[in-house]
Amino acid sequence: MSTGFKPTETGVSIRLDAAEASVLRSLVGLVLGLVEPGATGDDPLERALGIGATAEVPSDPVLARLFPSAYEDEEAAGEFRRYTEATLRDAKRADATTLIDTAVGGEVELTAEQAAAWMRALNDVRLMLGVRLEVTEEVHEEIARMSEEDPRYPAFVTYDWLTYLQDTLVRALW
């Protein structure tokens, strides 16, 4: 099992076994599938600027968590969403692609830029799992009480492992 991220002169490194790398790529692939390009309007200028066709909050709770409303006022939140969501989707896809392309078994060395992409991609995976598993602040206590026979156990342990990876990545970068 991975011992977490370590700082290097040019970024960070981590040793992943083949199974860990595969799990990471698979989970990030799920996020990548969720954050497909957003629809833009018919206006050529809007398309060129990446202005979205819709201002509605996503109906999928995971997408609503990945793209939260910026304002309590629905109209202001909708306008903000129209102007930013397509760019945010592009950024999330770029981060996910970076992780998928670099998560290999063995020693993984990342530049500071790649490490930042990993940090954002790991956060997106944790948000996705957290919503699907209905994770609360008591997640560690829940895992401790959970039987290994519980069908949710592997997902909760994976969530905990992702939390550990993200924590060691943040510490290695700062």
Protein backbone atom coordinates (compact mmCIF):
# COMPACT_ATOMS: atom_id res chain seq x y z
CA MET A 1 0.00 0.00 0.00
CA SER A 2 1.13 3.51 -0.82
CA THR A 3 2.94 5.45 1.87
CA GLY A 4 1.64 8.72 0.49
CA PHE A 5 3.24 11.61 -1.33
CA LYS A 6 6.75 12.87 -0.66
CA PRO A 7 8.19 16.22 -1.74
CA THR A 8 10.89 16.23 -4.42
CA GLU A 9 13.02 19.03 -5.84
CA THR A 10 10.67 19.47 -8.80
CA GLY A 11 7.30 18.51 -7.27
CA VAL A 12 6.17 15.34 -5.49
CA SER A 13 6.42 11.59 -5.82
CA ILE A 14 4.43 8.58 -4.73
CA ARG A 15 4.87 4.85 -5.10
CA LEU A 16 1.67 3.17 -6.24
CA ASP A 17 1.18 -0.51 -6.84
CA ALA A 18 -0.61 -1.48 -10.04
CA ALA A 19 -3.95 -2.04 -8.25
CA GLU A 20 -3.84 1.38 -6.57
CA ALA A 21 -3.07 3.07 -9.87
CA SER A 22 -5.92 1.19 -11.52
CA VAL A 23 -8.41 2.19 -8.80
CA LEU A 24 -7.38 5.83 -9.11
CA ARG A 25 -7.72 5.83 -12.89
CA SER A 26 -11.09 4.08 -12.67
CA LEU A 27 -12.55 6.48 -10.10
CA VAL A 28 -11.25 9.55 -11.90
CA GLY A 29 -12.67 8.10 -15.11
CA LEU A 30 -16.10 8.15 -13.45
CA VAL A 31 -15.71 11.84 -12.71
CA LEU A 32 -14.48 12.44 -16.25
CA GLY A 33 -17.68 10.84 -17.54
CA LEU A 34 -19.80 13.12 -15.35
CA VAL A 35 -18.15 16.39 -16.33
CA GLU A 36 -18.61 16.09 -20.06
CA PRO A 37 -18.57 19.39 -21.94
CA GLY A 38 -21.46 21.66 -21.08
CA ALA A 39 -23.87 22.78 -23.78
CA THR A 40 -23.28 26.26 -25.10
CA GLY A 41 -25.83 28.55 -26.68
CA ASP A 42 -26.52 28.95 -30.39
CA ASP A 43 -24.92 32.38 -30.53
CA PRO A 44 -21.41 32.10 -32.07
CA LEU A 45 -19.96 34.62 -29.60
CA GLU A 46 -21.41 32.72 -26.65
CA ARG A 47 -19.95 29.47 -28.01
CA ALA A 48 -16.56 31.11 -28.51
CA LEU A 49 -16.59 32.45 -24.96
CA GLY A 50 -17.87 29.19 -23.47
CA ILE A 51 -21.07 30.73 -22.17
CA GLY A 52 -23.46 27.97 -21.21
CA ALA A 53 -26.90 27.39 -22.67
CA THR A 54 -28.44 26.69 -19.28
CA ALA A 55 -28.32 28.42 -15.94
CA GLU A 56 -30.03 25.61 -14.02
CA VAL A 57 -28.55 23.75 -11.09
CA PRO A 58 -27.71 20.19 -12.22
CA SER A 59 -30.30 17.61 -11.17
CA ASP A 60 -27.58 15.02 -10.38
CA PRO A 61 -26.55 15.64 -6.74
CA VAL A 62 -22.91 14.88 -7.59
CA LEU A 63 -22.85 17.50 -10.35
CA ALA A 64 -24.63 19.95 -8.04
CA ARG A 65 -21.80 19.36 -5.54
CA LEU A 66 -19.06 19.63 -8.16
CA PHE A 67 -20.64 22.82 -9.57
CA PRO A 68 -22.31 24.49 -6.57
CA SER A 69 -24.30 27.69 -6.85
CA ALA A 70 -22.15 30.73 -6.25
CA TYR A 71 -24.98 32.85 -4.87
CA GLU A 72 -28.09 32.30 -2.80
CA ASP A 73 -30.06 34.48 -5.21
CA GLU A 74 -31.22 32.05 -7.92
CA GLU A 75 -31.05 34.57 -10.75
CA ALA A 76 -27.52 35.69 -9.88
CA ALA A 77 -26.44 32.08 -9.37
CA GLY A 78 -27.88 31.13 -12.75
CA GLU A 79 -26.10 33.94 -14.57
CA PHE A 80 -22.82 33.08 -12.85
CA ARG A 81 -23.30 29.42 -13.81
CA ARG A 82 -23.91 30.33 -17.47
CA TYR A 83 -20.64 32.27 -17.61
CA THR A 84 -18.43 29.86 -15.66
CA GLU A 85 -19.61 26.26 -15.78
CA ALA A 86 -18.25 25.38 -19.23
CA THR A 87 -14.79 26.60 -18.21
CA LEU A 88 -15.02 24.76 -14.88
CA ARG A 89 -15.98 21.56 -16.72
CA ASP A 90 -12.97 21.98 -19.03
CA ALA A 91 -10.67 22.44 -16.03
CA LYS A 92 -12.07 19.37 -14.24
CA ARG A 93 -11.63 17.27 -17.38
CA ALA A 94 -8.04 18.52 -17.77
CA ASP A 95 -7.26 17.65 -14.13
CA ALA A 96 -8.84 14.21 -14.48
CA THR A 97 -6.93 13.54 -17.69
CA THR A 98 -3.65 14.53 -16.03
CA LEU A 99 -4.24 12.05 -13.22
CA ILE A 100 -5.32 9.27 -15.58
CA ASP A 101 -2.26 9.84 -17.79
CA THR A 102 0.21 9.86 -14.90
CA ALA A 103 -1.22 7.31 -12.42
CA VAL A 104 0.90 4.28 -13.21
CA GLY A 105 2.16 1.46 -11.07
CA GLY A 106 5.57 2.10 -9.53
CA GLU A 107 7.23 5.38 -8.72
CA VAL A 108 5.16 8.34 -9.94
CA GLU A 109 6.95 11.67 -10.10
CA LEU A 110 4.81 14.74 -10.62
CA THR A 111 5.70 18.33 -11.34
CA ALA A 112 4.13 20.95 -9.10
CA GLU A 113 1.58 21.65 -11.86
CA GLN A 114 0.69 17.96 -12.23
CA ALA A 115 0.47 17.61 -8.45
CA ALA A 116 -1.99 20.52 -8.29
CA ALA A 117 -4.10 18.79 -10.97
CA TRP A 118 -4.00 15.57 -8.94
CA MET A 119 -5.10 17.46 -5.83
CA ARG A 120 -8.12 18.91 -7.64
CA ALA A 121 -8.96 15.57 -9.30
CA LEU A 122 -8.72 13.71 -5.97
CA ASN A 123 -11.01 16.32 -4.44
CA ASP A 124 -13.55 15.79 -7.22
CA VAL A 125 -13.48 12.02 -6.69
CA ARG A 126 -13.91 12.48 -2.95
CA LEU A 127 -16.86 14.83 -3.55
CA MET A 128 -18.43 12.29 -5.93
CA LEU A 129 -18.01 9.41 -3.48
CA GLY A 130 -19.01 11.54 -0.52
CA VAL A 131 -22.32 12.45 -2.14
CA ARG A 132 -23.04 8.90 -3.32
CA LEU A 133 -22.14 7.40 0.08
CA GLU A 134 -23.80 10.22 2.05
CA VAL A 135 -20.59 10.74 4.00
CA THR A 136 -20.84 12.82 7.16
CA GLU A 137 -18.20 14.33 9.42
CA GLU A 138 -18.37 11.12 11.45
CA VAL A 139 -17.04 9.03 8.55
CA HIS A 140 -14.09 7.62 10.52
CA GLU A 141 -16.34 6.52 13.38
CA GLU A 142 -18.76 5.01 10.86
CA ILE A 143 -15.95 3.02 9.20
CA ALA A 144 -14.73 1.82 12.60
CA ARG A 145 -18.23 0.53 13.46
CA MET A 146 -18.85 -0.93 10.01
CA SER A 147 -18.46 -4.66 9.48
CA GLU A 148 -16.11 -5.70 6.70
CA GLU A 149 -19.07 -7.73 5.42
CA ASP A 150 -21.09 -4.55 4.88
CA PRO A 151 -21.37 -4.05 1.10
CA ARG A 152 -20.55 -0.35 1.60
CA TYR A 153 -17.30 -1.11 3.43
CA PRO A 154 -14.98 -1.16 0.37
CA ALA A 155 -16.35 2.17 -0.87
CA PHE A 156 -15.94 3.80 2.55
CA VAL A 157 -12.40 2.46 2.91
CA THR A 158 -11.62 3.76 -0.59
CA TYR A 159 -12.99 7.17 0.39
CA ASP A 160 -10.76 7.11 3.47
CA TRP A 161 -7.72 6.14 1.34
CA LEU A 162 -8.42 9.01 -1.07
CA THR A 163 -8.61 11.37 1.92
CA TYR A 164 -5.21 10.08 3.06
CA LEU A 165 -3.71 10.55 -0.41
CA GLN A 166 -5.05 14.07 -0.68
CA ASP A 167 -3.77 14.93 2.80
CA THR A 168 -0.25 13.65 2.07
CA LEU A 169 -0.28 15.48 -1.28
CA VAL A 170 -1.20 18.78 0.37
CA ARG A 171 1.51 18.29 3.02
CA ALA A 172 4.11 17.39 0.39
CA LEU A 173 3.32 20.52 -1.62
CA TRP A 174 3.38 22.89 1.35
